[in-house]
PDB file of N, CA and C in Angstrom:
ATOM      1  N   MET A   1      55.718 106.793-139.260  1.00  0.00           N
ATOM      2  CA  MET A   1      56.902 105.985-139.052  1.00  0.00           C
ATOM      3  C   MET A   1      56.751 104.649-139.770  1.00  0.00           C
ATOM      4  N   ARG A   2      57.828 104.182-140.304  1.00  0.00           N
ATOM      5  CA  ARG A   2      57.818 102.900-140.989  1.00  0.00           C
ATOM      6  C   ARG A   2      58.072 101.772-139.995  1.00  0.00           C
ATOM      7  N   PRO A   3      57.527 100.608-140.264  1.00  0.00           N
ATOM      8  CA  PRO A   3      57.798  99.475-139.367  1.00  0.00           C
ATOM      9  C   PRO A   3      59.255  99.037-139.472  1.00  0.00           C
ATOM     10  N   ASN A   4      59.749  98.417-138.409  1.00  0.00           N
ATOM     11  CA  ASN A   4      61.136  97.948-138.382  1.00  0.00           C
ATOM     12  C   ASN A   4      61.321  96.634-139.131  1.00  0.00           C
ATOM     13  N   ARG A   5      60.219  95.998-139.478  1.00  0.00           N
ATOM     14  CA  ARG A   5      60.303  94.698-140.150  1.00  0.00           C
ATOM     15  C   ARG A   5      59.579  94.763-141.496  1.00  0.00           C
ATOM     16  N   TYR A   6      60.035  93.941-142.421  1.00  0.00           N
ATOM     17  CA  TYR A   6      59.313  93.803-143.677  1.00  0.00           C
ATOM     18  C   TYR A   6      58.014  93.053-143.372  1.00  0.00           C
ATOM     19  N   PRO A   7      56.924  93.404-144.011  1.00  0.00           N
ATOM     20  CA  PRO A   7      55.624  92.862-143.606  1.00  0.00           C
ATOM     21  C   PRO A   7      55.473  91.349-143.731  1.00  0.00           C
ATOM     22  N   TYR A   8      56.105  90.701-144.702  1.00  0.00           N
ATOM     23  CA  TYR A   8      55.852  89.275-144.909  1.00  0.00           C
ATOM     24  C   TYR A   8      56.980  88.375-144.435  1.00  0.00           C
ATOM     25  N   SER A   9      58.203  88.817-144.578  1.00  0.00           N
ATOM     26  CA  SER A   9      59.325  87.931-144.266  1.00  0.00           C
ATOM     27  C   SER A   9      59.641  87.903-142.777  1.00  0.00           C
ATOM     28  N   GLY A  10      59.291  88.964-142.056  1.00  0.00           N
ATOM     29  CA  GLY A  10      59.622  89.034-140.638  1.00  0.00           C
ATOM     30  C   GLY A  10      61.048  89.464-140.388  1.00  0.00           C
ATOM     31  N   LYS A  11      61.810  89.699-141.471  1.00  0.00           N
ATOM     32  CA  LYS A  11      63.197  90.132-141.304  1.00  0.00           C
ATOM     33  C   LYS A  11      63.236  91.601-140.923  1.00  0.00           C
ATOM     34  N   LYS A  12      64.203  91.937-140.087  1.00  0.00           N
ATOM     35  CA  LYS A  12      64.367  93.333-139.696  1.00  0.00           C
ATOM     36  C   LYS A  12      64.986  94.126-140.832  1.00  0.00           C
ATOM     37  N   LYS A  13      64.536  95.360-140.968  1.00  0.00           N
ATOM     38  CA  LYS A  13      65.141  96.246-141.958  1.00  0.00           C
ATOM     39  C   LYS A  13      66.461  96.749-141.409  1.00  0.00           C
ATOM     40  N   LYS A  14      67.409  96.996-142.297  1.00  0.00           N
ATOM     41  CA  LYS A  14      68.694  97.541-141.869  1.00  0.00           C
ATOM     42  C   LYS A  14      68.515  99.003-141.503  1.00  0.00           C
ATOM     43  N   GLN A  15      69.185  99.395-140.444  1.00  0.00           N
ATOM     44  CA  GLN A  15      69.115 100.780-139.998  1.00  0.00           C
ATOM     45  C   GLN A  15      70.008 101.630-140.898  1.00  0.00           C
ATOM     46  N   SER A  16      69.551 102.815-141.231  1.00  0.00           N
ATOM     47  CA  SER A  16      70.361 103.673-142.084  1.00  0.00           C
ATOM     48  C   SER A  16      71.597 104.143-141.316  1.00  0.00           C
ATOM     49  N   THR A  17      72.653 104.406-142.043  1.00  0.00           N
ATOM     50  CA  THR A  17      73.904 104.843-141.427  1.00  0.00           C
ATOM     51  C   THR A  17      73.708 106.157-140.691  1.00  0.00           C
ATOM     52  N   LYS A  18      72.945 107.072-141.287  1.00  0.00           N
ATOM     53  CA  LYS A  18      72.712 108.367-140.650  1.00  0.00           C
ATOM     54  C   LYS A  18      71.977 108.197-139.328  1.00  0.00           C
ATOM     55  N   LYS A  19      71.015 107.282-139.298  1.00  0.00           N
ATOM     56  CA  LYS A  19      70.261 107.040-138.066  1.00  0.00           C
ATOM     57  C   LYS A  19      71.174 106.429-137.001  1.00  0.00           C
ATOM     58  N   GLN A  20      72.040 105.500-137.417  1.00  0.00           N
ATOM     59  CA  GLN A  20      72.980 104.887-136.478  1.00  0.00           C
ATOM     60  C   GLN A  20      73.913 105.937-135.894  1.00  0.00           C
ATOM     61  N   ILE A  21      74.424 106.818-136.753  1.00  0.00           N
ATOM     62  CA  ILE A  21      75.336 107.870-136.302  1.00  0.00           C
ATOM     63  C   ILE A  21      74.624 108.796-135.331  1.00  0.00           C
ATOM     64  N   ALA A  22      73.383 109.160-135.637  1.00  0.00           N
ATOM     65  CA  ALA A  22      72.620 110.043-134.757  1.00  0.00           C
ATOM     66  C   ALA A  22      72.408 109.398-133.387  1.00  0.00           C
ATOM     67  N   GLU A  23      72.082 108.105-133.374  1.00  0.00           N
ATOM     68  CA  GLU A  23      71.885 107.410-132.100  1.00  0.00           C
ATOM     69  C   GLU A  23      73.187 107.330-131.307  1.00  0.00           C
ATOM     70  N   LEU A  24      74.296 107.068-131.987  1.00  0.00           N
ATOM     71  CA  LEU A  24      75.585 107.005-131.298  1.00  0.00           C
ATOM     72  C   LEU A  24      75.966 108.361-130.719  1.00  0.00           C
ATOM     73  N   LYS A  25      75.689 109.433-131.460  1.00  0.00           N
ATOM     74  CA  LYS A  25      75.983 110.773-130.955  1.00  0.00           C
ATOM     75  C   LYS A  25      75.160 111.075-129.713  1.00  0.00           C
ATOM     76  N   GLN A  26      73.898 110.635-129.695  1.00  0.00           N
ATOM     77  CA  GLN A  26      73.063 110.826-128.509  1.00  0.00           C
ATOM     78  C   GLN A  26      73.626 110.045-127.325  1.00  0.00           C
ATOM     79  N   ASP A  27      74.051 108.812-127.580  1.00  0.00           N
ATOM     80  CA  ASP A  27      74.635 107.992-126.518  1.00  0.00           C
ATOM     81  C   ASP A  27      75.895 108.638-125.956  1.00  0.00           C
ATOM     82  N   ILE A  28      76.733 109.177-126.830  1.00  0.00           N
ATOM     83  CA  ILE A  28      77.967 109.833-126.397  1.00  0.00           C
ATOM     84  C   ILE A  28      77.651 111.060-125.558  1.00  0.00           C
ATOM     85  N   ALA A  29      76.685 111.859-125.999  1.00  0.00           N
ATOM     86  CA  ALA A  29      76.307 113.065-125.258  1.00  0.00           C
ATOM     87  C   ALA A  29      75.784 112.695-123.873  1.00  0.00           C
ATOM     88  N   LEU A  30      74.974 111.653-123.793  1.00  0.00           N
ATOM     89  CA  LEU A  30      74.443 111.214-122.506  1.00  0.00           C
ATOM     90  C   LEU A  30      75.566 110.734-121.596  1.00  0.00           C
ATOM     91  N   THR A  31      76.481 109.955-122.138  1.00  0.00           N
ATOM     92  CA  THR A  31      77.605 109.454-121.353  1.00  0.00           C
ATOM     93  C   THR A  31      78.466 110.599-120.839  1.00  0.00           C
ATOM     94  N   LYS A  32      78.737 111.578-121.700  1.00  0.00           N
ATOM     95  CA  LYS A  32      79.534 112.734-121.289  1.00  0.00           C
ATOM     96  C   LYS A  32      78.851 113.506-120.172  1.00  0.00           C
ATOM     97  N   SER A  33      77.535 113.582-120.214  1.00  0.00           N
ATOM     98  CA  SER A  33      76.824 114.322-119.174  1.00  0.00           C
ATOM     99  C   SER A  33      76.795 113.553-117.853  1.00  0.00           C
ATOM    100  N   LEU A  34      76.887 112.230-117.917  1.00  0.00           N
ATOM    101  CA  LEU A  34      76.838 111.420-116.698  1.00  0.00           C
ATOM    102  C   LEU A  34      78.192 111.287-116.006  1.00  0.00           C
ATOM    103  N   ILE A  35      79.280 111.433-116.745  1.00  0.00           N
ATOM    104  CA  ILE A  35      80.615 111.233-116.180  1.00  0.00           C
ATOM    105  C   ILE A  35      80.879 112.137-114.974  1.00  0.00           C
ATOM    106  N   PRO A  36      80.649 113.450-115.048  1.00  0.00           N
ATOM    107  CA  PRO A  36      80.925 114.293-113.877  1.00  0.00           C
ATOM    108  C   PRO A  36      80.094 113.903-112.654  1.00  0.00           C
ATOM    109  N   GLN A  37      78.849 113.527-112.875  1.00  0.00           N
ATOM    110  CA  GLN A  37      77.982 113.133-111.764  1.00  0.00           C
ATOM    111  C   GLN A  37      78.511 111.866-111.090  1.00  0.00           C
ATOM    112  N   VAL A  38      78.857 110.877-111.873  1.00  0.00           N
ATOM    113  CA  VAL A  38      79.366 109.618-111.328  1.00  0.00           C
ATOM    114  C   VAL A  38      80.700 109.857-110.632  1.00  0.00           C
ATOM    115  N   ARG A  39      81.519 110.705-111.218  1.00  0.00           N
ATOM    116  CA  ARG A  39      82.824 111.022-110.630  1.00  0.00           C
ATOM    117  C   ARG A  39      82.654 111.646-109.246  1.00  0.00           C
ATOM    118  N   SER A  40      81.729 112.605-109.141  1.00  0.00           N
ATOM    119  CA  SER A  40      81.527 113.253-107.845  1.00  0.00           C
ATOM    120  C   SER A  40      80.962 112.273-106.818  1.00  0.00           C
ATOM    121  N   GLU A  41      80.086 111.365-107.263  1.00  0.00           N
ATOM    122  CA  GLU A  41      79.554 110.356-106.344  1.00  0.00           C
ATOM    123  C   GLU A  41      80.657 109.416-105.867  1.00  0.00           C
ATOM    124  N   LEU A  42      81.550 109.029-106.761  1.00  0.00           N
ATOM    125  CA  LEU A  42      82.653 108.151-106.371  1.00  0.00           C
ATOM    126  C   LEU A  42      83.579 108.845-105.378  1.00  0.00           C
ATOM    127  N   ILE A  43      83.892 110.093-105.641  1.00  0.00           N
ATOM    128  CA  ILE A  43      84.750 110.851-104.726  1.00  0.00           C
ATOM    129  C   ILE A  43      84.098 110.938-103.358  1.00  0.00           C
ATOM    130  N   HIS A  44      82.798 111.171-103.345  1.00  0.00           N
ATOM    131  CA  HIS A  44      82.067 111.260-102.079  1.00  0.00           C
ATOM    132  C   HIS A  44      82.118 109.923-101.326  1.00  0.00           C
ATOM    133  N   LEU A  45      81.935 108.817-102.051  1.00  0.00           N
ATOM    134  CA  LEU A  45      81.955 107.501-101.411  1.00  0.00           C
ATOM    135  C   LEU A  45      83.350 107.141-100.903  1.00  0.00           C
ATOM    136  N   ILE A  46      84.372 107.508-101.648  1.00  0.00           N
ATOM    137  CA  ILE A  46      85.741 107.195-101.247  1.00  0.00           C
ATOM    138  C   ILE A  46      86.143 107.997-100.015  1.00  0.00           C
ATOM    139  N   SER A  47      85.673 109.227 -99.934  1.00  0.00           N
ATOM    140  CA  SER A  47      86.091 110.097 -98.834  1.00  0.00           C
ATOM    141  C   SER A  47      85.418 109.750 -97.507  1.00  0.00           C
ATOM    142  N   LYS A  48      84.420 108.874 -97.525  1.00  0.00           N
ATOM    143  CA  LYS A  48      83.741 108.502 -96.267  1.00  0.00           C
ATOM    144  C   LYS A  48      84.640 107.675 -95.385  1.00  0.00           C
TER     145      LYS A  48
END
């Protein structure tokens, strides 16, 4: 793995577009999987 910073300047390297897209897709998938669980918990709390 390459470091996130350039060795001498300390500046962060820019993230590649493909890597950004892949991370966003993972975030979306995780959010989609959590929605039904949170929804059922809310329904349960409201019905008390």
